[in-house]
Amino acid sequence: MDELHAHKTRTVYDVVETGTGKRDNPLLWVITTAGSNRAGIFYETRTFVTKLLEGLFEDDSQFVIIYGLVMRLGIVVLPLLRQLVLLRQQI
């Protein structure tokens, strides 16, 4: 499902998710930018997966990656790039 933030309601998301129940090893792939609708399905889902990543609960049915920009010392870097730089400094 592309651009989850653009969905005004969760209707399409729920239909697609329900439809995966008939399959062995179902996979629902969601990709999106943040958007601005904090009342929509995207922020509901983001709140859920953020709590999951923080370790507030476990759910082995979820695989989550959230990419974003981080400001450090006046330089905008991608978190993954920052991790690689830190790793290189340790070697």
N, C-alpha and C. Protein backbone atom coordinates (compact mmCIF):
# COMPACT_ATOMS: atom_id res chain seq x y z
N MET A 1 0.86 -1.16 0.00
CA MET A 1 0.00 0.00 0.00
C MET A 1 0.90 1.22 0.00
N ASP A 2 0.68 2.12 -0.92
CA ASP A 2 1.54 3.29 -1.08
C ASP A 2 0.86 4.53 -0.51
N GLU A 3 1.65 5.40 0.06
CA GLU A 3 1.21 6.69 0.59
C GLU A 3 0.03 6.56 1.55
N LEU A 4 0.26 5.82 2.62
CA LEU A 4 -0.78 5.58 3.63
C LEU A 4 -1.31 6.89 4.20
N HIS A 5 -0.46 7.89 4.30
CA HIS A 5 -0.91 9.17 4.87
C HIS A 5 -2.03 9.83 4.05
N ALA A 6 -2.15 9.48 2.78
CA ALA A 6 -3.16 10.10 1.91
C ALA A 6 -4.55 9.49 2.09
N HIS A 7 -4.65 8.38 2.79
CA HIS A 7 -5.95 7.74 3.01
C HIS A 7 -6.70 8.49 4.11
N LYS A 8 -7.86 8.99 3.79
CA LYS A 8 -8.63 9.77 4.76
C LYS A 8 -9.26 8.88 5.84
N THR A 9 -9.57 7.65 5.49
CA THR A 9 -10.11 6.70 6.47
C THR A 9 -9.30 5.41 6.36
N ARG A 10 -9.55 4.49 7.25
CA ARG A 10 -8.83 3.22 7.24
C ARG A 10 -9.54 2.15 6.42
N THR A 11 -10.59 2.51 5.69
CA THR A 11 -11.40 1.56 4.95
C THR A 11 -10.58 0.70 3.98
N VAL A 12 -9.81 1.32 3.11
CA VAL A 12 -9.02 0.57 2.12
C VAL A 12 -7.98 -0.30 2.83
N TYR A 13 -7.31 0.26 3.83
CA TYR A 13 -6.32 -0.49 4.60
C TYR A 13 -6.94 -1.74 5.20
N ASP A 14 -8.09 -1.59 5.83
CA ASP A 14 -8.77 -2.73 6.46
C ASP A 14 -9.18 -3.79 5.44
N VAL A 15 -9.66 -3.37 4.27
CA VAL A 15 -10.07 -4.32 3.23
C VAL A 15 -8.87 -5.12 2.76
N VAL A 16 -7.76 -4.44 2.50
CA VAL A 16 -6.55 -5.12 2.03
C VAL A 16 -6.01 -6.05 3.12
N GLU A 17 -5.97 -5.58 4.36
CA GLU A 17 -5.47 -6.40 5.47
C GLU A 17 -6.35 -7.64 5.66
N THR A 18 -7.65 -7.48 5.60
CA THR A 18 -8.57 -8.61 5.74
C THR A 18 -8.39 -9.60 4.61
N GLY A 19 -8.15 -9.10 3.41
CA GLY A 19 -7.96 -9.96 2.24
C GLY A 19 -6.72 -10.82 2.33
N THR A 20 -5.73 -10.43 3.12
CA THR A 20 -4.51 -11.23 3.25
C THR A 20 -4.73 -12.46 4.12
N GLY A 21 -5.82 -12.51 4.85
CA GLY A 21 -6.09 -13.62 5.76
C GLY A 21 -6.28 -14.96 5.08
N LYS A 22 -6.60 -14.95 3.81
CA LYS A 22 -6.83 -16.20 3.06
C LYS A 22 -5.53 -16.80 2.53
N ARG A 23 -4.42 -16.12 2.71
CA ARG A 23 -3.15 -16.56 2.14
C ARG A 23 -2.23 -17.15 3.20
N ASP A 24 -1.40 -18.12 2.78
CA ASP A 24 -0.32 -18.60 3.64
C ASP A 24 0.75 -17.52 3.67
N ASN A 25 1.27 -17.22 4.82
CA ASN A 25 2.34 -16.21 4.98
C ASN A 25 2.00 -14.88 4.32
N PRO A 26 0.90 -14.25 4.71
CA PRO A 26 0.51 -12.99 4.07
C PRO A 26 1.51 -11.87 4.38
N LEU A 27 1.60 -10.92 3.47
CA LEU A 27 2.48 -9.78 3.64
C LEU A 27 1.76 -8.52 3.20
N LEU A 28 1.69 -7.56 4.08
CA LEU A 28 1.13 -6.25 3.75
C LEU A 28 2.27 -5.25 3.89
N TRP A 29 2.67 -4.68 2.76
CA TRP A 29 3.79 -3.74 2.71
C TRP A 29 3.22 -2.33 2.64
N VAL A 30 3.60 -1.48 3.58
CA VAL A 30 3.10 -0.11 3.60
C VAL A 30 4.29 0.84 3.54
N ILE A 31 4.22 1.79 2.64
CA ILE A 31 5.27 2.80 2.51
C ILE A 31 4.59 4.15 2.37
N THR A 32 5.18 5.17 3.00
CA THR A 32 4.54 6.48 2.96
C THR A 32 5.51 7.56 3.41
N THR A 33 5.18 8.78 3.07
CA THR A 33 5.80 9.93 3.71
C THR A 33 4.87 10.32 4.85
N ALA A 34 5.29 11.26 5.66
CA ALA A 34 4.53 11.57 6.86
C ALA A 34 3.19 12.23 6.59
N GLY A 35 3.11 13.14 5.65
CA GLY A 35 1.85 13.85 5.44
C GLY A 35 1.54 14.76 6.61
N SER A 36 0.34 15.29 6.64
CA SER A 36 -0.01 16.23 7.70
C SER A 36 -1.30 15.87 8.44
N ASN A 37 -1.97 14.81 8.04
CA ASN A 37 -3.23 14.43 8.67
C ASN A 37 -2.96 13.58 9.91
N ARG A 38 -2.95 14.21 11.06
CA ARG A 38 -2.67 13.49 12.30
C ARG A 38 -3.87 12.72 12.83
N ALA A 39 -5.00 12.80 12.13
CA ALA A 39 -6.19 12.07 12.55
C ALA A 39 -6.42 10.83 11.69
N GLY A 40 -5.56 10.59 10.73
CA GLY A 40 -5.77 9.50 9.79
C GLY A 40 -5.13 8.19 10.21
N ILE A 41 -5.26 7.21 9.33
CA ILE A 41 -4.74 5.87 9.56
C ILE A 41 -3.22 5.85 9.69
N PHE A 42 -2.52 6.75 8.97
CA PHE A 42 -1.06 6.75 9.05
C PHE A 42 -0.59 7.01 10.47
N TYR A 43 -1.08 8.05 11.11
CA TYR A 43 -0.60 8.37 12.45
C TYR A 43 -1.05 7.33 13.48
N GLU A 44 -2.20 6.73 13.25
CA GLU A 44 -2.64 5.63 14.11
C GLU A 44 -1.64 4.47 14.01
N THR A 45 -1.28 4.13 12.77
CA THR A 45 -0.33 3.05 12.53
C THR A 45 1.06 3.42 13.04
N ARG A 46 1.48 4.66 12.81
CA ARG A 46 2.81 5.10 13.25
C ARG A 46 2.91 5.06 14.77
N THR A 47 1.87 5.47 15.47
CA THR A 47 1.87 5.42 16.92
C THR A 47 2.04 3.98 17.40
N PHE A 48 1.34 3.05 16.77
CA PHE A 48 1.44 1.63 17.12
C PHE A 48 2.86 1.12 16.91
N VAL A 49 3.44 1.36 15.73
CA VAL A 49 4.76 0.79 15.45
C VAL A 49 5.86 1.50 16.23
N THR A 50 5.67 2.77 16.56
CA THR A 50 6.65 3.47 17.38
C THR A 50 6.70 2.85 18.77
N LYS A 51 5.56 2.55 19.34
CA LYS A 51 5.52 1.87 20.64
C LYS A 51 6.15 0.48 20.56
N LEU A 52 5.93 -0.17 19.44
CA LEU A 52 6.54 -1.48 19.21
C LEU A 52 8.07 -1.36 19.18
N LEU A 53 8.58 -0.38 18.46
CA LEU A 53 10.02 -0.18 18.37
C LEU A 53 10.63 0.26 19.70
N GLU A 54 9.86 0.95 20.52
CA GLU A 54 10.33 1.37 21.84
C GLU A 54 10.35 0.22 22.83
N GLY A 55 9.82 -0.93 22.42
CA GLY A 55 9.82 -2.10 23.28
C GLY A 55 8.70 -2.13 24.31
N LEU A 56 7.66 -1.33 24.11
CA LEU A 56 6.55 -1.31 25.05
C LEU A 56 5.74 -2.60 24.99
N PHE A 57 5.81 -3.29 23.86
CA PHE A 57 5.19 -4.61 23.71
C PHE A 57 5.86 -5.32 22.55
N GLU A 58 5.56 -6.60 22.38
CA GLU A 58 6.12 -7.39 21.29
C GLU A 58 5.02 -7.82 20.34
N ASP A 59 5.36 -7.89 19.07
CA ASP A 59 4.45 -8.39 18.05
C ASP A 59 5.29 -8.93 16.91
N ASP A 60 5.50 -10.24 16.91
CA ASP A 60 6.36 -10.87 15.91
C ASP A 60 5.78 -10.84 14.51
N SER A 61 4.55 -10.40 14.36
CA SER A 61 3.95 -10.33 13.02
C SER A 61 4.32 -9.03 12.31
N GLN A 62 5.02 -8.14 13.00
CA GLN A 62 5.35 -6.84 12.44
C GLN A 62 6.85 -6.72 12.17
N PHE A 63 7.22 -6.12 11.04
CA PHE A 63 8.59 -5.74 10.73
C PHE A 63 8.53 -4.26 10.37
N VAL A 64 9.23 -3.44 11.12
CA VAL A 64 9.06 -1.99 10.99
C VAL A 64 10.41 -1.32 10.78
N ILE A 65 10.44 -0.40 9.84
CA ILE A 65 11.59 0.49 9.66
C ILE A 65 11.02 1.89 9.47
N ILE A 66 11.51 2.83 10.27
CA ILE A 66 11.12 4.23 10.11
C ILE A 66 12.39 5.01 9.79
N TYR A 67 12.42 5.60 8.62
CA TYR A 67 13.54 6.44 8.23
C TYR A 67 13.15 7.90 8.43
N GLY A 68 14.12 8.71 8.80
CA GLY A 68 13.88 10.13 8.94
C GLY A 68 15.20 10.86 8.96
N LEU A 69 15.13 12.16 8.92
CA LEU A 69 16.32 12.98 8.99
C LEU A 69 16.60 13.36 10.42
N VAL A 70 17.87 13.46 10.75
CA VAL A 70 18.30 13.85 12.09
C VAL A 70 19.24 15.04 11.95
N MET A 71 19.05 16.07 12.75
CA MET A 71 19.91 17.24 12.71
C MET A 71 20.98 17.09 13.79
N ARG A 72 22.24 17.08 13.38
CA ARG A 72 23.37 16.99 14.31
C ARG A 72 24.39 18.04 13.92
N LEU A 73 24.75 18.91 14.84
CA LEU A 73 25.78 19.92 14.60
C LEU A 73 25.53 20.72 13.33
N GLY A 74 24.27 21.02 13.09
CA GLY A 74 23.91 21.82 11.93
C GLY A 74 23.94 21.07 10.61
N ILE A 75 24.15 19.74 10.65
CA ILE A 75 24.20 18.94 9.43
C ILE A 75 23.04 17.96 9.46
N VAL A 76 22.31 17.86 8.38
CA VAL A 76 21.22 16.89 8.28
C VAL A 76 21.81 15.59 7.76
N VAL A 77 21.61 14.51 8.51
CA VAL A 77 22.11 13.20 8.10
C VAL A 77 21.00 12.17 8.23
N LEU A 78 21.07 11.14 7.44
CA LEU A 78 20.16 10.02 7.59
C LEU A 78 20.63 9.17 8.76
N PRO A 79 19.73 8.67 9.61
CA PRO A 79 20.14 7.87 10.76
C PRO A 79 21.01 6.67 10.39
N LEU A 80 20.72 5.99 9.28
CA LEU A 80 21.53 4.85 8.90
C LEU A 80 22.95 5.28 8.57
N LEU A 81 23.10 6.39 7.87
CA LEU A 81 24.42 6.92 7.57
C LEU A 81 25.16 7.26 8.86
N ARG A 82 24.47 7.84 9.82
CA ARG A 82 25.07 8.17 11.11
C ARG A 82 25.57 6.90 11.80
N GLN A 83 24.80 5.83 11.74
CA GLN A 83 25.20 4.56 12.35
C GLN A 83 26.48 4.04 11.70
N LEU A 84 26.57 4.15 10.37
CA LEU A 84 27.75 3.67 9.66
C LEU A 84 28.98 4.49 10.02
N VAL A 85 28.81 5.80 10.18
CA VAL A 85 29.94 6.66 10.57
C VAL A 85 30.40 6.29 11.97
N LEU A 86 29.48 6.09 12.89
CA LEU A 86 29.84 5.71 14.25
C LEU A 86 30.55 4.36 14.28
N LEU A 87 30.07 3.42 13.49
CA LEU A 87 30.70 2.11 13.41
C LEU A 87 32.12 2.22 12.87
N ARG A 88 32.29 3.03 11.84
CA ARG A 88 33.62 3.22 11.25
C ARG A 88 34.59 3.83 12.26
N GLN A 89 34.10 4.75 13.10
CA GLN A 89 34.94 5.39 14.09
C GLN A 89 35.42 4.37 15.14
N GLN A 90 34.66 3.32 15.37
CA GLN A 90 35.03 2.31 16.36
C GLN A 90 36.09 1.35 15.84
N ILE A 91 36.24 1.25 14.52
CA ILE A 91 37.18 0.30 13.93
C ILE A 91 38.58 0.85 13.98
